[in-house]
Amino acid sequence: MSGVKGGKDVAAQSLAAQLRLKRSEMMLSELEAVALQLFEERGFDAITVEEIAARAHISVRTFYRYFAAKDDVLQVRIDRRSEALQAGLSARPADEPPLHSVRVTLEEVVGAEDAALVRRWVAVVASTPSVVKGVIGGIQLKSQRVIAEFFGARLGFASDAVVPTMLAGAVGGVIQAAHARWFLHGGQLATTISEGLEVLERGIGSDPTTWIGAADGRPRS
């Protein structure tokens, strides 16, 4: 009986942990949406943490449980996309050309995002020079790192080797250009990114042996 009880206790603890995680994710999403709306309405620099907390109907102390500063709200979108990318890329077939895997996964991940929130996020970042460095740094350290690690694993390199690093940088450049085009001209962001990556894929080709320079040698078999 003690074993059955112990199993129930573990299951209950696991369920409780899942519920806490779900509540935390919901709060992060709510705070992001509220903060982005305020940032867009009055400008990032004019909004205080107190105003975000008041609009979200929480205490300032609760806000600081989730974010060290209001700048960190702009990292939520990067974190979510990076996590979704990592999960999506890990599920792609091992024999699929890696650039194609990245293109398909990004189309799925971005297609599932809230386009209105993404547009608001882009607008806030574009109009606030003081946050651009932090946002670009977050993208490079999170999303591009996920992509570089994927290329490295598929091609037999360390993730910080020249080939995976440069390929991830090229993908990041396409994503940035696609966001700018979508923001200015509309359409579907996921489709715009996919079309841009298709151009990159056709230009580079699908044969990894053509991507390798003398600095990296040949990929491991």
N, C-alpha and C. Protein backbone atom coordinates (compact mmCIF):
# COMPACT_ATOMS: atom_id res chain seq x y z
N MET A 1 0.83 -1.22 0.00
CA MET A 1 0.00 0.00 0.00
C MET A 1 0.86 1.26 0.00
N SER A 2 2.00 1.18 0.71
CA SER A 2 2.85 2.35 0.78
C SER A 2 3.38 2.72 -0.60
N GLY A 3 3.64 1.66 -1.44
CA GLY A 3 4.12 1.92 -2.80
C GLY A 3 3.07 2.64 -3.62
N VAL A 4 1.81 2.22 -3.48
CA VAL A 4 0.71 2.86 -4.21
C VAL A 4 0.56 4.31 -3.79
N LYS A 5 0.63 4.50 -2.45
CA LYS A 5 0.50 5.86 -1.93
C LYS A 5 1.64 6.75 -2.42
N GLY A 6 2.86 6.16 -2.41
CA GLY A 6 4.02 6.92 -2.87
C GLY A 6 3.88 7.32 -4.33
N GLY A 7 3.34 6.38 -5.13
CA GLY A 7 3.13 6.68 -6.54
C GLY A 7 2.12 7.79 -6.73
N LYS A 8 1.06 7.78 -5.92
CA LYS A 8 0.05 8.84 -6.01
C LYS A 8 0.63 10.18 -5.61
N ASP A 9 1.49 10.16 -4.57
CA ASP A 9 2.11 11.42 -4.13
C ASP A 9 2.99 12.01 -5.24
N VAL A 10 3.76 11.14 -5.91
CA VAL A 10 4.62 11.60 -6.99
C VAL A 10 3.79 12.16 -8.13
N ALA A 11 2.69 11.47 -8.46
CA ALA A 11 1.81 11.92 -9.54
C ALA A 11 1.19 13.27 -9.20
N ALA A 12 0.77 13.42 -7.92
CA ALA A 12 0.17 14.67 -7.48
C ALA A 12 1.18 15.81 -7.54
N GLN A 13 2.43 15.53 -7.13
CA GLN A 13 3.47 16.55 -7.18
C GLN A 13 3.77 16.94 -8.62
N SER A 14 3.78 15.93 -9.51
CA SER A 14 4.04 16.21 -10.92
C SER A 14 2.94 17.07 -11.52
N LEU A 15 1.69 16.75 -11.17
CA LEU A 15 0.56 17.54 -11.68
C LEU A 15 0.61 18.96 -11.14
N ALA A 16 0.96 19.09 -9.86
CA ALA A 16 1.06 20.42 -9.26
C ALA A 16 2.15 21.24 -9.95
N ALA A 17 3.27 20.59 -10.26
CA ALA A 17 4.37 21.29 -10.94
C ALA A 17 3.94 21.73 -12.34
N GLN A 18 3.19 20.87 -13.02
CA GLN A 18 2.69 21.21 -14.35
C GLN A 18 1.73 22.41 -14.30
N LEU A 19 0.88 22.42 -13.28
CA LEU A 19 -0.07 23.52 -13.12
C LEU A 19 0.65 24.83 -12.83
N ARG A 20 1.69 24.75 -11.98
CA ARG A 20 2.47 25.96 -11.67
C ARG A 20 3.16 26.48 -12.93
N LEU A 21 3.71 25.57 -13.72
CA LEU A 21 4.37 25.96 -14.96
C LEU A 21 3.37 26.60 -15.92
N LYS A 22 2.18 26.01 -16.01
CA LYS A 22 1.15 26.55 -16.88
C LYS A 22 0.73 27.95 -16.45
N ARG A 23 0.54 28.13 -15.14
CA ARG A 23 0.17 29.45 -14.63
C ARG A 23 1.27 30.47 -14.90
N SER A 24 2.53 30.03 -14.73
CA SER A 24 3.66 30.93 -14.98
C SER A 24 3.70 31.34 -16.46
N GLU A 25 3.47 30.39 -17.36
CA GLU A 25 3.47 30.69 -18.79
C GLU A 25 2.33 31.64 -19.16
N MET A 26 1.17 31.43 -18.54
CA MET A 26 0.03 32.31 -18.80
C MET A 26 0.30 33.73 -18.31
N MET A 27 0.94 33.84 -17.14
CA MET A 27 1.26 35.16 -16.61
C MET A 27 2.29 35.86 -17.49
N LEU A 28 3.29 35.13 -17.95
CA LEU A 28 4.28 35.73 -18.85
C LEU A 28 3.62 36.26 -20.12
N SER A 29 2.72 35.46 -20.67
CA SER A 29 2.02 35.88 -21.89
C SER A 29 1.17 37.11 -21.65
N GLU A 30 0.48 37.13 -20.50
CA GLU A 30 -0.39 38.27 -20.19
C GLU A 30 0.44 39.54 -19.98
N LEU A 31 1.53 39.41 -19.24
CA LEU A 31 2.37 40.58 -18.99
C LEU A 31 3.00 41.09 -20.29
N GLU A 32 3.40 40.18 -21.16
CA GLU A 32 3.96 40.59 -22.44
C GLU A 32 2.93 41.38 -23.24
N ALA A 33 1.71 40.85 -23.32
CA ALA A 33 0.66 41.51 -24.11
C ALA A 33 0.33 42.89 -23.54
N VAL A 34 0.20 42.99 -22.22
CA VAL A 34 -0.12 44.26 -21.58
C VAL A 34 1.00 45.27 -21.79
N ALA A 35 2.24 44.82 -21.56
CA ALA A 35 3.38 45.73 -21.69
C ALA A 35 3.55 46.22 -23.13
N LEU A 36 3.41 45.31 -24.09
CA LEU A 36 3.57 45.72 -25.49
C LEU A 36 2.52 46.74 -25.90
N GLN A 37 1.30 46.56 -25.40
CA GLN A 37 0.25 47.52 -25.72
C GLN A 37 0.60 48.90 -25.16
N LEU A 38 1.06 48.93 -23.92
CA LEU A 38 1.45 50.20 -23.31
C LEU A 38 2.65 50.82 -24.03
N PHE A 39 3.64 49.99 -24.36
CA PHE A 39 4.82 50.49 -25.06
C PHE A 39 4.44 51.12 -26.39
N GLU A 40 3.52 50.46 -27.10
CA GLU A 40 3.12 50.96 -28.41
C GLU A 40 2.31 52.25 -28.27
N GLU A 41 1.48 52.32 -27.24
CA GLU A 41 0.61 53.49 -27.05
C GLU A 41 1.41 54.74 -26.70
N ARG A 42 2.39 54.59 -25.78
CA ARG A 42 3.05 55.78 -25.24
C ARG A 42 4.56 55.79 -25.35
N GLY A 43 5.12 54.73 -25.89
CA GLY A 43 6.57 54.65 -26.03
C GLY A 43 7.21 53.86 -24.90
N PHE A 44 8.21 53.08 -25.22
CA PHE A 44 8.84 52.20 -24.24
C PHE A 44 9.39 52.98 -23.05
N ASP A 45 10.11 54.06 -23.32
CA ASP A 45 10.78 54.80 -22.25
C ASP A 45 9.80 55.49 -21.29
N ALA A 46 8.59 55.77 -21.76
CA ALA A 46 7.62 56.50 -20.93
C ALA A 46 6.87 55.60 -19.95
N ILE A 47 6.93 54.31 -20.17
CA ILE A 47 6.14 53.37 -19.35
C ILE A 47 6.97 52.85 -18.19
N THR A 48 6.36 52.80 -17.01
CA THR A 48 7.04 52.29 -15.83
C THR A 48 6.53 50.89 -15.49
N VAL A 49 7.30 50.19 -14.68
CA VAL A 49 6.88 48.87 -14.21
C VAL A 49 5.57 48.99 -13.44
N GLU A 50 5.43 50.06 -12.67
CA GLU A 50 4.21 50.26 -11.89
C GLU A 50 2.98 50.33 -12.80
N GLU A 51 3.12 50.98 -13.94
CA GLU A 51 1.99 51.09 -14.87
C GLU A 51 1.66 49.75 -15.52
N ILE A 52 2.69 48.98 -15.84
CA ILE A 52 2.45 47.64 -16.39
C ILE A 52 1.72 46.78 -15.38
N ALA A 53 2.19 46.81 -14.14
CA ALA A 53 1.58 46.00 -13.08
C ALA A 53 0.13 46.42 -12.86
N ALA A 54 -0.13 47.72 -12.85
CA ALA A 54 -1.49 48.21 -12.62
C ALA A 54 -2.42 47.77 -13.75
N ARG A 55 -1.96 47.87 -15.01
CA ARG A 55 -2.79 47.46 -16.14
C ARG A 55 -3.06 45.96 -16.11
N ALA A 56 -2.09 45.19 -15.60
CA ALA A 56 -2.24 43.73 -15.54
C ALA A 56 -2.95 43.27 -14.26
N HIS A 57 -3.26 44.23 -13.38
CA HIS A 57 -3.95 43.94 -12.11
C HIS A 57 -3.13 43.02 -11.22
N ILE A 58 -1.83 43.30 -11.14
CA ILE A 58 -0.95 42.56 -10.24
C ILE A 58 -0.12 43.58 -9.47
N SER A 59 0.60 43.09 -8.46
CA SER A 59 1.48 43.98 -7.70
C SER A 59 2.82 44.11 -8.43
N VAL A 60 3.53 45.18 -8.10
CA VAL A 60 4.86 45.37 -8.67
C VAL A 60 5.77 44.22 -8.25
N ARG A 61 5.58 43.76 -7.03
CA ARG A 61 6.39 42.63 -6.53
C ARG A 61 6.18 41.39 -7.40
N THR A 62 4.93 41.16 -7.81
CA THR A 62 4.64 40.01 -8.66
C THR A 62 5.31 40.18 -10.02
N PHE A 63 5.30 41.39 -10.56
CA PHE A 63 5.98 41.64 -11.83
C PHE A 63 7.45 41.22 -11.73
N TYR A 64 8.10 41.60 -10.64
CA TYR A 64 9.53 41.31 -10.49
C TYR A 64 9.81 39.84 -10.22
N ARG A 65 8.79 39.07 -9.95
CA ARG A 65 8.99 37.62 -9.87
C ARG A 65 9.28 37.04 -11.25
N TYR A 66 8.78 37.71 -12.26
CA TYR A 66 8.89 37.21 -13.62
C TYR A 66 9.97 37.93 -14.43
N PHE A 67 10.21 39.19 -14.13
CA PHE A 67 11.16 39.98 -14.91
C PHE A 67 12.05 40.80 -13.98
N ALA A 68 13.33 40.86 -14.30
CA ALA A 68 14.25 41.69 -13.52
C ALA A 68 14.06 43.16 -13.85
N ALA A 69 13.62 43.45 -15.09
CA ALA A 69 13.40 44.82 -15.54
C ALA A 69 12.41 44.79 -16.69
N LYS A 70 11.86 45.95 -17.04
CA LYS A 70 10.84 45.97 -18.10
C LYS A 70 11.43 45.59 -19.45
N ASP A 71 12.74 45.81 -19.64
CA ASP A 71 13.40 45.41 -20.89
C ASP A 71 13.25 43.92 -21.15
N ASP A 72 13.22 43.14 -20.07
CA ASP A 72 13.16 41.68 -20.20
C ASP A 72 11.84 41.20 -20.80
N VAL A 73 10.82 42.04 -20.78
CA VAL A 73 9.54 41.67 -21.40
C VAL A 73 9.75 41.41 -22.89
N LEU A 74 10.67 42.14 -23.49
CA LEU A 74 10.92 42.00 -24.92
C LEU A 74 11.66 40.70 -25.26
N GLN A 75 12.14 39.99 -24.24
CA GLN A 75 12.81 38.72 -24.47
C GLN A 75 11.83 37.54 -24.50
N VAL A 76 10.60 37.75 -24.05
CA VAL A 76 9.63 36.66 -24.00
C VAL A 76 9.42 36.06 -25.38
N ARG A 77 9.24 36.93 -26.37
CA ARG A 77 9.00 36.45 -27.75
C ARG A 77 10.19 35.66 -28.26
N ILE A 78 11.40 36.11 -27.95
CA ILE A 78 12.61 35.41 -28.39
C ILE A 78 12.71 34.06 -27.70
N ASP A 79 12.44 34.03 -26.40
CA ASP A 79 12.51 32.78 -25.64
C ASP A 79 11.51 31.76 -26.17
N ARG A 80 10.28 32.20 -26.40
CA ARG A 80 9.24 31.28 -26.87
C ARG A 80 9.60 30.71 -28.24
N ARG A 81 10.05 31.58 -29.14
CA ARG A 81 10.40 31.09 -30.47
C ARG A 81 11.59 30.15 -30.41
N SER A 82 12.57 30.46 -29.57
CA SER A 82 13.75 29.60 -29.45
C SER A 82 13.38 28.22 -28.93
N GLU A 83 12.51 28.18 -27.93
CA GLU A 83 12.07 26.90 -27.38
C GLU A 83 11.29 26.09 -28.41
N ALA A 84 10.41 26.76 -29.15
CA ALA A 84 9.63 26.07 -30.17
C ALA A 84 10.52 25.58 -31.31
N LEU A 85 11.52 26.38 -31.66
CA LEU A 85 12.47 25.98 -32.70
C LEU A 85 13.24 24.74 -32.29
N GLN A 86 13.70 24.73 -31.06
CA GLN A 86 14.48 23.59 -30.57
C GLN A 86 13.64 22.32 -30.61
N ALA A 87 12.39 22.42 -30.17
CA ALA A 87 11.51 21.25 -30.18
C ALA A 87 11.21 20.81 -31.61
N GLY A 88 10.93 21.77 -32.49
CA GLY A 88 10.59 21.44 -33.88
C GLY A 88 11.76 20.84 -34.63
N LEU A 89 12.95 21.41 -34.46
CA LEU A 89 14.12 20.90 -35.17
C LEU A 89 14.49 19.49 -34.71
N SER A 90 14.32 19.22 -33.43
CA SER A 90 14.66 17.89 -32.92
C SER A 90 13.75 16.81 -33.48
N ALA A 91 12.59 17.21 -34.01
CA ALA A 91 11.64 16.23 -34.56
C ALA A 91 11.79 16.02 -36.06
N ARG A 92 12.68 16.78 -36.72
CA ARG A 92 12.84 16.64 -38.17
C ARG A 92 13.60 15.36 -38.52
N PRO A 93 13.31 14.75 -39.68
CA PRO A 93 14.00 13.52 -40.07
C PRO A 93 15.51 13.72 -40.17
N ALA A 94 16.26 12.73 -39.73
CA ALA A 94 17.72 12.84 -39.70
C ALA A 94 18.32 12.94 -41.09
N ASP A 95 17.64 12.40 -42.10
CA ASP A 95 18.20 12.41 -43.46
C ASP A 95 17.71 13.60 -44.29
N GLU A 96 17.01 14.52 -43.66
CA GLU A 96 16.50 15.69 -44.37
C GLU A 96 17.60 16.75 -44.49
N PRO A 97 17.74 17.41 -45.64
CA PRO A 97 18.75 18.49 -45.75
C PRO A 97 18.53 19.52 -44.63
N PRO A 98 19.59 19.86 -43.89
CA PRO A 98 19.40 20.69 -42.70
C PRO A 98 18.79 22.06 -42.96
N LEU A 99 19.15 22.70 -44.06
CA LEU A 99 18.54 24.00 -44.35
C LEU A 99 17.05 23.87 -44.60
N HIS A 100 16.66 22.77 -45.24
CA HIS A 100 15.24 22.53 -45.47
C HIS A 100 14.52 22.31 -44.14
N SER A 101 15.16 21.57 -43.24
CA SER A 101 14.58 21.35 -41.91
C SER A 101 14.33 22.67 -41.19
N VAL A 102 15.31 23.57 -41.27
CA VAL A 102 15.18 24.87 -40.62
C VAL A 102 14.04 25.67 -41.25
N ARG A 103 13.95 25.64 -42.57
CA ARG A 103 12.90 26.39 -43.26
C ARG A 103 11.51 25.89 -42.88
N VAL A 104 11.33 24.58 -42.91
CA VAL A 104 10.02 24.01 -42.58
C VAL A 104 9.66 24.28 -41.12
N THR A 105 10.63 24.11 -40.24
CA THR A 105 10.36 24.32 -38.82
C THR A 105 10.02 25.77 -38.51
N LEU A 106 10.76 26.70 -39.09
CA LEU A 106 10.47 28.11 -38.86
C LEU A 106 9.09 28.48 -39.39
N GLU A 107 8.73 27.94 -40.54
CA GLU A 107 7.40 28.23 -41.08
C GLU A 107 6.31 27.76 -40.12
N GLU A 108 6.51 26.58 -39.53
CA GLU A 108 5.52 26.04 -38.58
C GLU A 108 5.49 26.86 -37.29
N VAL A 109 6.67 27.17 -36.77
CA VAL A 109 6.76 27.90 -35.50
C VAL A 109 6.19 29.31 -35.63
N VAL A 110 6.61 30.04 -36.64
CA VAL A 110 6.15 31.42 -36.81
C VAL A 110 4.67 31.44 -37.19
N GLY A 111 4.24 30.45 -37.96
CA GLY A 111 2.82 30.38 -38.34
C GLY A 111 1.90 30.20 -37.15
N ALA A 112 2.42 29.63 -36.07
CA ALA A 112 1.62 29.40 -34.87
C ALA A 112 1.63 30.59 -33.91
N GLU A 113 2.44 31.60 -34.19
CA GLU A 113 2.53 32.76 -33.31
C GLU A 113 1.37 33.73 -33.54
N ASP A 114 1.12 34.57 -32.56
CA ASP A 114 0.09 35.60 -32.66
C ASP A 114 0.65 36.76 -33.50
N ALA A 115 0.16 36.88 -34.73
CA ALA A 115 0.71 37.87 -35.65
C ALA A 115 0.57 39.29 -35.12
N ALA A 116 -0.53 39.60 -34.44
CA ALA A 116 -0.74 40.95 -33.92
C ALA A 116 0.29 41.29 -32.85
N LEU A 117 0.59 40.32 -31.99
CA LEU A 117 1.59 40.55 -30.95
C LEU A 117 2.98 40.68 -31.56
N VAL A 118 3.29 39.87 -32.56
CA VAL A 118 4.59 39.97 -33.21
C VAL A 118 4.75 41.33 -33.87
N ARG A 119 3.70 41.80 -34.55
CA ARG A 119 3.76 43.11 -35.20
C ARG A 119 3.97 44.21 -34.16
N ARG A 120 3.29 44.10 -33.03
CA ARG A 120 3.45 45.10 -31.96
C ARG A 120 4.86 45.06 -31.41
N TRP A 121 5.40 43.85 -31.24
CA TRP A 121 6.77 43.68 -30.74
C TRP A 121 7.76 44.33 -31.70
N VAL A 122 7.61 44.08 -32.99
CA VAL A 122 8.50 44.67 -34.00
C VAL A 122 8.40 46.19 -33.95
N ALA A 123 7.19 46.72 -33.84
CA ALA A 123 6.99 48.17 -33.82
C ALA A 123 7.68 48.80 -32.62
N VAL A 124 7.57 48.17 -31.46
CA VAL A 124 8.19 48.70 -30.24
C VAL A 124 9.71 48.68 -30.37
N VAL A 125 10.25 47.55 -30.82
CA VAL A 125 11.70 47.44 -30.96
C VAL A 125 12.22 48.45 -31.98
N ALA A 126 11.52 48.56 -33.11
CA ALA A 126 11.97 49.46 -34.18
C ALA A 126 11.96 50.92 -33.76
N SER A 127 11.07 51.27 -32.84
CA SER A 127 10.95 52.67 -32.43
C SER A 127 11.72 53.00 -31.16
N THR A 128 12.48 52.02 -30.63
CA THR A 128 13.18 52.22 -29.36
C THR A 128 14.65 51.83 -29.51
N PRO A 129 15.50 52.76 -29.94
CA PRO A 129 16.93 52.43 -30.14
C PRO A 129 17.60 51.85 -28.90
N SER A 130 17.15 52.26 -27.72
CA SER A 130 17.82 51.81 -26.50
C SER A 130 17.68 50.31 -26.23
N VAL A 131 16.70 49.66 -26.86
CA VAL A 131 16.49 48.23 -26.59
C VAL A 131 17.03 47.34 -27.71
N VAL A 132 17.45 47.96 -28.81
CA VAL A 132 17.84 47.15 -29.98
C VAL A 132 19.01 46.23 -29.66
N LYS A 133 20.02 46.75 -28.96
CA LYS A 133 21.19 45.93 -28.65
C LYS A 133 20.81 44.70 -27.83
N GLY A 134 19.95 44.88 -26.82
CA GLY A 134 19.53 43.75 -25.99
C GLY A 134 18.72 42.74 -26.78
N VAL A 135 17.86 43.22 -27.68
CA VAL A 135 17.03 42.33 -28.47
C VAL A 135 17.89 41.53 -29.45
N ILE A 136 18.80 42.22 -30.14
CA ILE A 136 19.68 41.52 -31.08
C ILE A 136 20.56 40.51 -30.35
N GLY A 137 21.06 40.91 -29.18
CA GLY A 137 21.86 39.99 -28.38
C GLY A 137 21.06 38.76 -27.97
N GLY A 138 19.80 38.98 -27.58
CA GLY A 138 18.95 37.86 -27.20
C GLY A 138 18.71 36.91 -28.36
N ILE A 139 18.50 37.45 -29.54
CA ILE A 139 18.29 36.62 -30.73
C ILE A 139 19.54 35.80 -31.04
N GLN A 140 20.71 36.44 -30.96
CA GLN A 140 21.95 35.74 -31.27
C GLN A 140 22.27 34.67 -30.24
N LEU A 141 22.00 34.96 -28.99
CA LEU A 141 22.33 34.01 -27.93
C LEU A 141 21.31 32.90 -27.76
N LYS A 142 20.11 33.11 -28.30
CA LYS A 142 19.06 32.12 -28.12
C LYS A 142 18.66 31.46 -29.44
N SER A 143 17.91 32.16 -30.27
CA SER A 143 17.41 31.55 -31.51
C SER A 143 18.54 31.11 -32.43
N GLN A 144 19.51 32.00 -32.68
CA GLN A 144 20.60 31.62 -33.58
C GLN A 144 21.46 30.52 -32.99
N ARG A 145 21.59 30.48 -31.68
CA ARG A 145 22.36 29.40 -31.06
C ARG A 145 21.66 28.07 -31.26
N VAL A 146 20.32 28.05 -31.14
CA VAL A 146 19.57 26.83 -31.37
C VAL A 146 19.81 26.32 -32.79
N ILE A 147 19.78 27.25 -33.76
CA ILE A 147 19.97 26.87 -35.16
C ILE A 147 21.40 26.41 -35.40
N ALA A 148 22.38 27.10 -34.82
CA ALA A 148 23.78 26.69 -34.98
C ALA A 148 24.02 25.31 -34.38
N GLU A 149 23.42 25.05 -33.23
CA GLU A 149 23.57 23.73 -32.60
C GLU A 149 22.96 22.64 -33.47
N PHE A 150 21.83 22.96 -34.12
CA PHE A 150 21.19 22.00 -35.01
C PHE A 150 22.09 21.71 -36.21
N PHE A 151 22.62 22.77 -36.85
CA PHE A 151 23.52 22.57 -37.99
C PHE A 151 24.76 21.78 -37.55
N GLY A 152 25.31 22.13 -36.40
CA GLY A 152 26.49 21.43 -35.93
C GLY A 152 26.24 19.95 -35.72
N ALA A 153 25.10 19.63 -35.10
CA ALA A 153 24.77 18.23 -34.84
C ALA A 153 24.55 17.46 -36.14
N ARG A 154 23.87 18.07 -37.09
CA ARG A 154 23.59 17.39 -38.36
C ARG A 154 24.82 17.23 -39.24
N LEU A 155 25.75 18.18 -39.14
CA LEU A 155 26.92 18.18 -40.04
C LEU A 155 28.18 17.63 -39.38
N GLY A 156 28.10 17.34 -38.08
CA GLY A 156 29.26 16.78 -37.41
C GLY A 156 30.29 17.78 -36.96
N PHE A 157 29.84 19.00 -36.64
CA PHE A 157 30.73 20.05 -36.16
C PHE A 157 30.34 20.47 -34.74
N ALA A 158 31.28 21.13 -34.08
CA ALA A 158 30.92 21.85 -32.86
C ALA A 158 30.00 23.01 -33.27
N SER A 159 29.08 23.37 -32.39
CA SER A 159 28.11 24.41 -32.76
C SER A 159 28.75 25.76 -32.99
N ASP A 160 29.97 25.98 -32.45
CA ASP A 160 30.64 27.27 -32.64
C ASP A 160 31.68 27.23 -33.75
N ALA A 161 31.69 26.15 -34.54
CA ALA A 161 32.59 26.07 -35.68
C ALA A 161 32.11 27.04 -36.77
N VAL A 162 32.95 27.27 -37.76
CA VAL A 162 32.65 28.28 -38.78
C VAL A 162 31.37 27.97 -39.54
N VAL A 163 31.23 26.74 -40.04
CA VAL A 163 30.08 26.42 -40.90
C VAL A 163 28.75 26.59 -40.19
N PRO A 164 28.50 25.93 -39.03
CA PRO A 164 27.21 26.13 -38.38
C PRO A 164 26.96 27.56 -37.92
N THR A 165 28.01 28.25 -37.48
CA THR A 165 27.85 29.63 -37.03
C THR A 165 27.44 30.54 -38.18
N MET A 166 28.09 30.39 -39.31
CA MET A 166 27.78 31.25 -40.46
C MET A 166 26.43 30.90 -41.08
N LEU A 167 26.10 29.62 -41.12
CA LEU A 167 24.79 29.24 -41.63
C LEU A 167 23.68 29.80 -40.75
N ALA A 168 23.86 29.69 -39.43
CA ALA A 168 22.87 30.24 -38.51
C ALA A 168 22.77 31.75 -38.66
N GLY A 169 23.91 32.42 -38.88
CA GLY A 169 23.89 33.86 -39.10
C GLY A 169 23.16 34.23 -40.38
N ALA A 170 23.35 33.42 -41.42
CA ALA A 170 22.66 33.67 -42.69
C ALA A 170 21.15 33.50 -42.51
N VAL A 171 20.76 32.46 -41.80
CA VAL A 171 19.33 32.24 -41.52
C VAL A 171 18.78 33.41 -40.71
N GLY A 172 19.54 33.86 -39.71
CA GLY A 172 19.10 34.99 -38.90
C GLY A 172 18.92 36.25 -39.72
N GLY A 173 19.82 36.47 -40.69
CA GLY A 173 19.68 37.63 -41.56
C GLY A 173 18.43 37.58 -42.41
N VAL A 174 18.12 36.38 -42.92
CA VAL A 174 16.90 36.21 -43.71
C VAL A 174 15.66 36.47 -42.84
N ILE A 175 15.67 35.96 -41.63
CA ILE A 175 14.53 36.16 -40.73
C ILE A 175 14.33 37.64 -40.44
N GLN A 176 15.43 38.35 -40.18
CA GLN A 176 15.34 39.80 -39.90
C GLN A 176 14.79 40.55 -41.10
N ALA A 177 15.29 40.23 -42.30
CA ALA A 177 14.82 40.89 -43.51
C ALA A 177 13.35 40.58 -43.77
N ALA A 178 12.95 39.33 -43.48
CA ALA A 178 11.56 38.93 -43.68
C ALA A 178 10.64 39.68 -42.72
N HIS A 179 11.08 39.87 -41.48
CA HIS A 179 10.28 40.64 -40.52
C HIS A 179 10.08 42.07 -41.02
N ALA A 180 11.16 42.67 -41.52
CA ALA A 180 11.07 44.06 -42.01
C ALA A 180 10.12 44.15 -43.19
N ARG A 181 10.24 43.22 -44.13
CA ARG A 181 9.37 43.24 -45.32
C ARG A 181 7.91 43.03 -44.91
N TRP A 182 7.68 42.08 -44.02
CA TRP A 182 6.32 41.79 -43.56
C TRP A 182 5.73 42.98 -42.82
N PHE A 183 6.54 43.62 -41.98
CA PHE A 183 6.05 44.76 -41.20
C PHE A 183 5.64 45.91 -42.12
N LEU A 184 6.40 46.11 -43.19
CA LEU A 184 6.13 47.23 -44.10
C LEU A 184 5.06 46.90 -45.15
N HIS A 185 5.02 45.66 -45.59
CA HIS A 185 4.16 45.33 -46.73
C HIS A 185 3.03 44.35 -46.40
N GLY A 186 3.02 43.79 -45.19
CA GLY A 186 1.95 42.88 -44.81
C GLY A 186 2.14 41.48 -45.37
N GLY A 187 1.04 40.73 -45.41
CA GLY A 187 1.11 39.34 -45.83
C GLY A 187 1.24 38.41 -44.64
N GLN A 188 1.72 37.20 -44.88
CA GLN A 188 1.91 36.22 -43.83
C GLN A 188 3.40 36.13 -43.47
N LEU A 189 3.73 36.38 -42.22
CA LEU A 189 5.13 36.38 -41.82
C LEU A 189 5.78 35.02 -42.05
N ALA A 190 5.09 33.94 -41.68
CA ALA A 190 5.66 32.61 -41.85
C ALA A 190 5.98 32.33 -43.31
N THR A 191 5.10 32.75 -44.21
CA THR A 191 5.32 32.54 -45.64
C THR A 191 6.49 33.38 -46.14
N THR A 192 6.58 34.61 -45.67
CA THR A 192 7.67 35.49 -46.08
C THR A 192 9.02 34.92 -45.64
N ILE A 193 9.08 34.42 -44.40
CA ILE A 193 10.32 33.80 -43.92
C ILE A 193 10.65 32.56 -44.73
N SER A 194 9.65 31.74 -44.99
CA SER A 194 9.87 30.51 -45.76
C SER A 194 10.38 30.82 -47.17
N GLU A 195 9.80 31.82 -47.82
CA GLU A 195 10.23 32.19 -49.16
C GLU A 195 11.67 32.71 -49.14
N GLY A 196 12.01 33.49 -48.12
CA GLY A 196 13.38 33.99 -48.01
C GLY A 196 14.37 32.86 -47.79
N LEU A 197 14.01 31.90 -46.93
CA LEU A 197 14.91 30.78 -46.67
C LEU A 197 15.01 29.84 -47.87
N GLU A 198 13.95 29.80 -48.68
CA GLU A 198 14.02 29.00 -49.90
C GLU A 198 15.05 29.59 -50.87
N VAL A 199 15.10 30.92 -50.94
CA VAL A 199 16.13 31.58 -51.75
C VAL A 199 17.52 31.19 -51.25
N LEU A 200 17.70 31.24 -49.92
CA LEU A 200 18.99 30.87 -49.32
C LEU A 200 19.31 29.40 -49.61
N GLU A 201 18.31 28.54 -49.46
CA GLU A 201 18.51 27.11 -49.67
C GLU A 201 18.92 26.82 -51.12
N ARG A 202 18.28 27.46 -52.06
CA ARG A 202 18.61 27.25 -53.48
C ARG A 202 19.99 27.81 -53.80
N GLY A 203 20.31 28.95 -53.19
CA GLY A 203 21.61 29.56 -53.46
C GLY A 203 22.76 28.76 -52.90
N ILE A 204 22.60 28.26 -51.66
CA ILE A 204 23.67 27.50 -51.02
C ILE A 204 23.69 26.06 -51.50
N GLY A 205 22.50 25.53 -51.80
CA GLY A 205 22.40 24.13 -52.19
C GLY A 205 22.19 23.24 -50.99
N SER A 206 21.93 21.98 -51.25
CA SER A 206 21.63 21.04 -50.17
C SER A 206 22.77 20.07 -49.88
N ASP A 207 23.90 20.24 -50.56
CA ASP A 207 25.05 19.35 -50.34
C ASP A 207 26.00 19.97 -49.32
N PRO A 208 26.04 19.45 -48.10
CA PRO A 208 26.88 20.06 -47.06
C PRO A 208 28.36 20.10 -47.40
N THR A 209 28.82 19.20 -48.26
CA THR A 209 30.25 19.20 -48.58
C THR A 209 30.67 20.45 -49.33
N THR A 210 29.71 21.15 -49.91
CA THR A 210 30.05 22.39 -50.62
C THR A 210 30.11 23.59 -49.68
N TRP A 211 29.75 23.40 -48.41
CA TRP A 211 29.73 24.52 -47.47
C TRP A 211 31.00 24.59 -46.65
N ILE A 212 31.89 23.63 -46.80
CA ILE A 212 32.97 23.45 -45.83
C ILE A 212 34.26 24.11 -46.30
N GLY A 213 34.83 24.95 -45.45
CA GLY A 213 36.09 25.61 -45.77
C GLY A 213 37.26 24.91 -45.12
N ALA A 214 38.44 25.36 -45.44
CA ALA A 214 39.65 24.72 -44.92
C ALA A 214 39.72 24.78 -43.40
N ALA A 215 39.11 25.81 -42.81
CA ALA A 215 39.20 25.97 -41.34
C ALA A 215 38.50 24.85 -40.60
N ASP A 216 37.48 24.25 -41.23
CA ASP A 216 36.70 23.24 -40.54
C ASP A 216 36.99 21.81 -41.00
N GLY A 217 37.58 21.65 -42.17
CA GLY A 217 37.80 20.30 -42.66
C GLY A 217 36.53 19.65 -43.11
N ARG A 218 36.47 18.36 -43.03
CA ARG A 218 35.29 17.60 -43.48
C ARG A 218 34.40 17.20 -42.32
N PRO A 219 33.08 17.10 -42.57
CA PRO A 219 32.21 16.65 -41.48
C PRO A 219 32.47 15.20 -41.17
N ARG A 220 32.25 14.83 -39.94
CA ARG A 220 32.42 13.43 -39.54
C ARG A 220 31.33 12.59 -40.19
N SER A 221 31.68 11.38 -40.57
CA SER A 221 30.70 10.48 -41.18
C SER A 221 29.90 9.80 -40.10
